[in-house]
C-alpha cells in the first residue's frame, strides 16, 4: 500500500478514485503519566508523555485508515492528512484520512 500526502503517486497513473478512507483513535495516558506531565508543564520544556501518546495515536489511526483502504482493494491512499482534537485533559482524538485510489 502506497501512502502519500500529495494528490499523485510519482511515476504512477491513477486509474480509479475509490473515495475517502479514514481511521481514528482516542487515547489517554495513565494518571501517573498525567502527573509527571503536569510537573513538566510547570517547569517548561517538552512534555514527552504526550509526545509519545500522540505518536502512538497517529500510528494507530494510520493503520486503521490503511485497513479500510485495503478492504476496498486500493493500491494507494493519496492526500493523507492528520487531525487532532482535544477530548478532555490528557486525552486526544487523532484522525487520519485520505483518498483511496487504484493505480494503473
Protein backbone atom coordinates (compact mmCIF):
# COMPACT_ATOMS: atom_id res chain seq x y z
CA UNK A 1 0.00 0.00 0.00
CA UNK A 2 1.39 3.36 -1.05
CA UNK A 3 0.62 6.24 1.32
CA UNK A 4 1.37 9.83 0.23
CA UNK A 5 0.35 13.31 1.26
CA UNK A 6 0.34 14.52 -2.36
CA UNK A 7 -2.51 14.26 -4.86
CA UNK A 8 -0.49 11.89 -7.04
CA UNK A 9 1.88 8.94 -6.78
CA UNK A 10 5.13 9.73 -8.52
CA UNK A 11 5.61 7.61 -11.64
CA UNK A 12 2.09 6.11 -11.43
CA UNK A 13 -1.21 6.97 -13.03
CA UNK A 14 -4.47 6.94 -11.08
CA UNK A 15 -6.93 4.54 -12.74
CA UNK A 16 -9.84 4.97 -10.34
CA UNK A 17 -10.75 7.10 -7.34
CA UNK A 18 -12.41 4.89 -4.75
CA UNK A 19 -13.17 7.55 -2.16
CA UNK A 20 -12.49 8.78 1.34
CA UNK A 21 -10.93 6.42 3.87
CA UNK A 22 -10.29 7.29 7.48
CA UNK A 23 -9.09 5.87 10.75
CA UNK A 24 -9.20 7.36 14.21
CA UNK A 25 -8.45 6.69 17.83
CA UNK A 26 -8.89 8.44 21.15
CA UNK A 27 -6.02 7.94 23.55
CA UNK A 28 -5.31 8.95 27.13
CA UNK A 29 -2.30 8.42 29.36
CA UNK A 30 -2.43 6.93 32.83
CA UNK A 31 -2.83 9.10 35.92
CA UNK A 32 0.85 8.60 36.81
CA UNK A 33 1.99 9.91 33.44
CA UNK A 34 -0.52 12.78 33.66
CA UNK A 35 1.02 13.82 36.99
CA UNK A 36 4.55 13.73 35.53
CA UNK A 37 3.32 15.69 32.51
CA UNK A 38 1.79 18.28 34.86
CA UNK A 39 5.15 18.80 36.56
CA UNK A 40 6.88 19.16 33.19
CA UNK A 41 4.24 21.69 32.16
CA UNK A 42 5.09 23.83 35.19
CA UNK A 43 8.84 23.52 34.63
CA UNK A 44 8.70 24.06 30.87
CA UNK A 45 10.07 22.01 28.03
CA UNK A 46 8.78 19.10 26.02
CA UNK A 47 6.05 17.02 27.62
CA UNK A 48 7.36 13.65 26.49
CA UNK A 49 4.41 11.67 27.85
CA UNK A 50 2.05 13.49 25.49
CA UNK A 51 4.53 13.39 22.59
CA UNK A 52 4.63 9.60 22.95
CA UNK A 53 0.84 9.39 23.29
CA UNK A 54 0.27 11.36 20.08
CA UNK A 55 2.92 9.42 18.14
CA UNK A 56 1.29 6.12 19.17
CA UNK A 57 -2.14 7.51 18.30
CA UNK A 58 -1.03 8.62 14.83
CA UNK A 59 0.28 5.12 14.09
CA UNK A 60 -2.98 3.50 15.23
CA UNK A 61 -5.12 5.92 13.20
CA UNK A 62 -2.92 5.45 10.13
CA UNK A 63 -3.09 1.67 10.44
CA UNK A 64 -6.90 1.79 10.68
CA UNK A 65 -7.09 4.05 7.62
CA UNK A 66 -4.89 1.63 5.65
CA UNK A 67 -7.06 -1.32 6.73
CA UNK A 68 -10.14 0.46 5.36
CA UNK A 69 -8.35 1.17 2.06
CA UNK A 70 -7.31 -2.49 1.82
CA UNK A 71 -10.97 -3.55 2.21
CA UNK A 72 -11.67 -1.54 -0.97
CA UNK A 73 -8.68 -3.20 -2.70
CA UNK A 74 -7.00 0.19 -3.10
CA UNK A 75 -3.42 0.38 -4.32
CA UNK A 76 -2.69 3.70 -2.63
CA UNK A 77 -4.07 6.43 -0.40
CA UNK A 78 -3.32 9.96 -1.60
CA UNK A 79 -3.76 13.36 0.07
CA UNK A 80 -3.24 11.82 3.53
CA UNK A 81 -3.82 14.24 6.39
CA UNK A 82 -3.98 14.08 10.17
CA UNK A 83 -6.27 15.99 12.50
CA UNK A 84 -6.09 16.22 16.28
CA UNK A 85 -8.83 17.20 18.71
CA UNK A 86 -8.61 17.56 22.47
CA UNK A 87 -11.38 15.49 24.03
CA UNK A 88 -10.55 16.25 27.66
CA UNK A 89 -7.44 16.93 29.71
CA UNK A 90 -4.91 14.24 28.83
CA UNK A 91 -6.99 12.67 26.06
CA UNK A 92 -6.93 13.40 22.35
CA UNK A 93 -8.52 12.10 19.19
CA UNK A 94 -6.30 11.57 16.16
CA UNK A 95 -7.94 11.23 12.75
CA UNK A 96 -6.04 10.07 9.66
CA UNK A 97 -7.82 10.46 6.33
CA UNK A 98 -7.12 10.40 2.62
CA UNK A 99 -8.40 9.31 -0.77
CA UNK A 100 -8.17 5.63 -1.69
CA UNK A 101 -7.24 5.02 -5.33
CA UNK A 102 -6.44 2.25 -7.77
CA UNK A 103 -3.32 2.69 -9.90
CA UNK A 104 -2.58 1.62 -13.47
